[in-house]
C-alpha atoms as a PDB file:
ATOM      1  CA  UNK A   1      -0.084  -0.154  -0.036  1.00  0.00           C
ATOM      2  CA  UNK A   2       2.791   3.180   0.403  1.00  0.00           C
ATOM      3  CA  UNK A   3       5.791   4.082  -1.875  1.00  0.00           C
ATOM      4  CA  UNK A   4       8.708   4.887   0.095  1.00  0.00           C
ATOM      5  CA  UNK A   5      10.927   7.256  -1.927  1.00  0.00           C
ATOM      6  CA  UNK A   6      13.966   8.352   0.310  1.00  0.00           C
ATOM      7  CA  UNK A   7      13.168   9.039   3.780  1.00  0.00           C
ATOM      8  CA  UNK A   8       9.179  10.094   2.986  1.00  0.00           C
ATOM      9  CA  UNK A   9       6.175   8.428   2.716  1.00  0.00           C
ATOM     10  CA  UNK A  10       3.517   8.454  -0.045  1.00  0.00           C
ATOM     11  CA  UNK A  11       0.255   7.329  -0.042  1.00  0.00           C
ATOM     12  CA  UNK A  12      -1.878   7.762  -4.023  1.00  0.00           C
ATOM     13  CA  UNK A  13      -5.039   6.501  -5.418  1.00  0.00           C
ATOM     14  CA  UNK A  14      -7.167   6.247  -1.997  1.00  0.00           C
ATOM     15  CA  UNK A  15      -8.518   7.956   0.962  1.00  0.00           C
ATOM     16  CA  UNK A  16      -6.051   8.891   3.174  1.00  0.00           C
ATOM     17  CA  UNK A  17      -5.578  10.983   6.450  1.00  0.00           C
ATOM     18  CA  UNK A  18      -2.952  12.192   8.532  1.00  0.00           C
ATOM     19  CA  UNK A  19      -2.941  14.351  12.137  1.00  0.00           C
ATOM     20  CA  UNK A  20       0.472  15.352  13.986  1.00  0.00           C
ATOM     21  CA  UNK A  21       0.630  15.000  17.612  1.00  0.00           C
ATOM     22  CA  UNK A  22       2.488  15.592  20.691  1.00  0.00           C
ATOM     23  CA  UNK A  23       4.852  12.857  21.688  1.00  0.00           C
ATOM     24  CA  UNK A  24       2.769  12.470  24.296  1.00  0.00           C
ATOM     25  CA  UNK A  25       1.260  10.093  27.217  1.00  0.00           C
ATOM     26  CA  UNK A  26      -2.782  10.735  25.909  1.00  0.00           C
ATOM     27  CA  UNK A  27      -1.361  11.004  22.052  1.00  0.00           C
ATOM     28  CA  UNK A  28      -2.538   6.884  21.818  1.00  0.00           C
ATOM     29  CA  UNK A  29      -5.808   7.675  22.935  1.00  0.00           C
ATOM     30  CA  UNK A  30      -6.553  10.797  21.054  1.00  0.00           C
ATOM     31  CA  UNK A  31      -5.194   8.996  17.603  1.00  0.00           C
ATOM     32  CA  UNK A  32      -7.624   6.513  18.211  1.00  0.00           C
ATOM     33  CA  UNK A  33     -10.244   8.465  18.368  1.00  0.00           C
ATOM     34  CA  UNK A  34      -9.325  10.482  14.817  1.00  0.00           C
ATOM     35  CA  UNK A  35      -9.229   6.728  13.387  1.00  0.00           C
ATOM     36  CA  UNK A  36     -12.026   5.722  14.380  1.00  0.00           C
ATOM     37  CA  UNK A  37     -13.697   8.540  13.037  1.00  0.00           C
ATOM     38  CA  UNK A  38     -12.063   8.472  10.023  1.00  0.00           C
ATOM     39  CA  UNK A  39     -12.850   4.969   9.415  1.00  0.00           C
ATOM     40  CA  UNK A  40     -16.335   5.257  10.490  1.00  0.00           C
ATOM     41  CA  UNK A  41     -17.114   8.869   7.732  1.00  0.00           C
ATOM     42  CA  UNK A  42     -15.337   6.216   5.342  1.00  0.00           C
ATOM     43  CA  UNK A  43     -18.269   3.552   6.106  1.00  0.00           C
ATOM     44  CA  UNK A  44     -16.160   0.852   8.354  1.00  0.00           C
ATOM     45  CA  UNK A  45     -17.427   0.319  12.190  1.00  0.00           C
ATOM     46  CA  UNK A  46     -16.909  -3.635  12.113  1.00  0.00           C
ATOM     47  CA  UNK A  47     -13.575  -3.435  13.137  1.00  0.00           C
ATOM     48  CA  UNK A  48     -13.519  -0.758  15.746  1.00  0.00           C
ATOM     49  CA  UNK A  49     -11.368  -2.868  18.431  1.00  0.00           C
ATOM     50  CA  UNK A  50      -8.809  -3.767  16.515  1.00  0.00           C
ATOM     51  CA  UNK A  51      -8.290  -0.766  14.742  1.00  0.00           C
ATOM     52  CA  UNK A  52      -8.021   1.621  18.823  1.00  0.00           C
ATOM     53  CA  UNK A  53      -5.678  -1.691  19.464  1.00  0.00           C
ATOM     54  CA  UNK A  54      -3.196  -1.631  16.255  1.00  0.00           C
ATOM     55  CA  UNK A  55      -3.995   2.716  16.651  1.00  0.00           C
ATOM     56  CA  UNK A  56      -2.773   2.735  20.442  1.00  0.00           C
ATOM     57  CA  UNK A  57       0.347   0.095  20.455  1.00  0.00           C
ATOM     58  CA  UNK A  58       1.663   1.711  17.157  1.00  0.00           C
ATOM     59  CA  UNK A  59       1.550   5.507  18.890  1.00  0.00           C
ATOM     60  CA  UNK A  60       2.517   3.822  22.368  1.00  0.00           C
ATOM     61  CA  UNK A  61       5.989   2.699  21.182  1.00  0.00           C
ATOM     62  CA  UNK A  62       6.385   5.946  18.667  1.00  0.00           C
ATOM     63  CA  UNK A  63       6.071   8.230  21.763  1.00  0.00           C
ATOM     64  CA  UNK A  64       8.561   5.783  23.887  1.00  0.00           C
ATOM     65  CA  UNK A  65      11.002   6.565  20.328  1.00  0.00           C
ATOM     66  CA  UNK A  66      11.550   9.877  21.846  1.00  0.00           C
ATOM     67  CA  UNK A  67      10.903  12.444  18.967  1.00  0.00           C
ATOM     68  CA  UNK A  68       8.606  15.710  20.141  1.00  0.00           C
ATOM     69  CA  UNK A  69       5.762  14.515  17.830  1.00  0.00           C
ATOM     70  CA  UNK A  70       4.414  11.405  16.819  1.00  0.00           C
ATOM     71  CA  UNK A  71       2.632  12.090  12.778  1.00  0.00           C
ATOM     72  CA  UNK A  72      -0.419   9.301  12.270  1.00  0.00           C
ATOM     73  CA  UNK A  73      -1.467   8.200   8.586  1.00  0.00           C
ATOM     74  CA  UNK A  74      -4.311   5.838   7.366  1.00  0.00           C
ATOM     75  CA  UNK A  75      -5.455   5.328   4.077  1.00  0.00           C
ATOM     76  CA  UNK A  76      -7.881   2.134   2.903  1.00  0.00           C
ATOM     77  CA  UNK A  77      -7.841  -0.065   0.266  1.00  0.00           C
ATOM     78  CA  UNK A  78      -9.768  -3.177  -0.883  1.00  0.00           C
ATOM     79  CA  UNK A  79     -11.357  -3.040   2.155  1.00  0.00           C
ATOM     80  CA  UNK A  80      -7.750  -2.869   4.193  1.00  0.00           C
ATOM     81  CA  UNK A  81      -6.980  -0.246   6.121  1.00  0.00           C
ATOM     82  CA  UNK A  82      -3.243   1.196   6.582  1.00  0.00           C
ATOM     83  CA  UNK A  83      -2.383   2.710   9.889  1.00  0.00           C
ATOM     84  CA  UNK A  84       0.825   4.055  10.028  1.00  0.00           C
ATOM     85  CA  UNK A  85       3.081   5.891  13.599  1.00  0.00           C
ATOM     86  CA  UNK A  86       6.326   7.826  12.629  1.00  0.00           C
ATOM     87  CA  UNK A  87       8.029   9.311  15.566  1.00  0.00           C
ATOM     88  CA  UNK A  88      10.026  11.648  13.555  1.00  0.00           C
ATOM     89  CA  UNK A  89      13.354  10.984  15.718  1.00  0.00           C
ATOM     90  CA  UNK A  90      16.514  10.647  13.577  1.00  0.00           C
ATOM     91  CA  UNK A  91      18.966   8.823  14.318  1.00  0.00           C
ATOM     92  CA  UNK A  92      17.507   5.407  15.755  1.00  0.00           C
ATOM     93  CA  UNK A  93      19.401   2.461  15.439  1.00  0.00           C
ATOM     94  CA  UNK A  94      18.185  -0.104  13.155  1.00  0.00           C
ATOM     95  CA  UNK A  95      14.628  -1.487  13.019  1.00  0.00           C
ATOM     96  CA  UNK A  96      13.020  -2.898  16.305  1.00  0.00           C
ATOM     97  CA  UNK A  97      10.759  -6.025  15.608  1.00  0.00           C
ATOM     98  CA  UNK A  98      10.216  -6.869  18.837  1.00  0.00           C
ATOM     99  CA  UNK A  99       6.097  -4.547  18.431  1.00  0.00           C
ATOM    100  CA  UNK A 100       5.305  -7.083  15.429  1.00  0.00           C
ATOM    101  CA  UNK A 101       3.615 -10.490  16.739  1.00  0.00           C
ATOM    102  CA  UNK A 102       2.261  -7.948  19.209  1.00  0.00           C
ATOM    103  CA  UNK A 103       0.492  -5.989  16.571  1.00  0.00           C
ATOM    104  CA  UNK A 104      -0.838  -9.379  14.690  1.00  0.00           C
ATOM    105  CA  UNK A 105      -2.439 -10.498  17.845  1.00  0.00           C
ATOM    106  CA  UNK A 106      -4.445  -7.207  17.533  1.00  0.00           C
ATOM    107  CA  UNK A 107      -5.306  -8.214  14.208  1.00  0.00           C
ATOM    108  CA  UNK A 108      -3.155  -7.159  12.033  1.00  0.00           C
ATOM    109  CA  UNK A 109      -2.829  -9.039   8.795  1.00  0.00           C
ATOM    110  CA  UNK A 110       0.284  -7.881   7.900  1.00  0.00           C
ATOM    111  CA  UNK A 111       2.674  -5.127   9.501  1.00  0.00           C
ATOM    112  CA  UNK A 112       6.385  -3.608   9.984  1.00  0.00           C
ATOM    113  CA  UNK A 113       9.076  -1.860  11.046  1.00  0.00           C
ATOM    114  CA  UNK A 114      12.002   0.549   9.485  1.00  0.00           C
ATOM    115  CA  UNK A 115      14.207   2.794  10.245  1.00  0.00           C
ATOM    116  CA  UNK A 116      14.736   5.931   7.847  1.00  0.00           C
ATOM    117  CA  UNK A 117      16.480   9.303   7.776  1.00  0.00           C
ATOM    118  CA  UNK A 118      13.252  10.494   9.690  1.00  0.00           C
ATOM    119  CA  UNK A 119      12.970   8.299  12.235  1.00  0.00           C
ATOM    120  CA  UNK A 120      11.444   4.606  12.311  1.00  0.00           C
ATOM    121  CA  UNK A 121       7.714   3.968  10.405  1.00  0.00           C
ATOM    122  CA  UNK A 122       5.890   1.575  12.197  1.00  0.00           C
ATOM    123  CA  UNK A 123       2.690   0.228  10.109  1.00  0.00           C
ATOM    124  CA  UNK A 124      -0.287  -2.379  10.253  1.00  0.00           C
ATOM    125  CA  UNK A 125      -2.259  -3.518   8.078  1.00  0.00           C
ATOM    126  CA  UNK A 126      -5.688  -4.257   8.969  1.00  0.00           C
ATOM    127  CA  UNK A 127      -8.653  -6.253   7.421  1.00  0.00           C
ATOM    128  CA  UNK A 128     -12.156  -3.642   7.550  1.00  0.00           C
END
């Protein structure tokens, strides 16, 4: 679903939304509200528990990376949602994959993490 170009992420040919939040303890709950609200606008209501769980874990993990802000990106295609969290903290070591089994247990059909110039990207795909 995403196309990475250098340190930038591009999402094309599908509905998408993004939010920038302060990297704070409350950010995960706020991100969940944004993601669920947009999924509802797009007509998806059946996966609220999984979407909220994935968003919360992605954002909590991004906040723990220590950046000053976190951005959350959401896109849908073919009854799947892509949820991405970025901590915007450059200079992190190689991508930590410890979060991946937990994302899978929360309902991700695909997930990943990588490190780019602008920080670590954490993402999950959820069937809607």
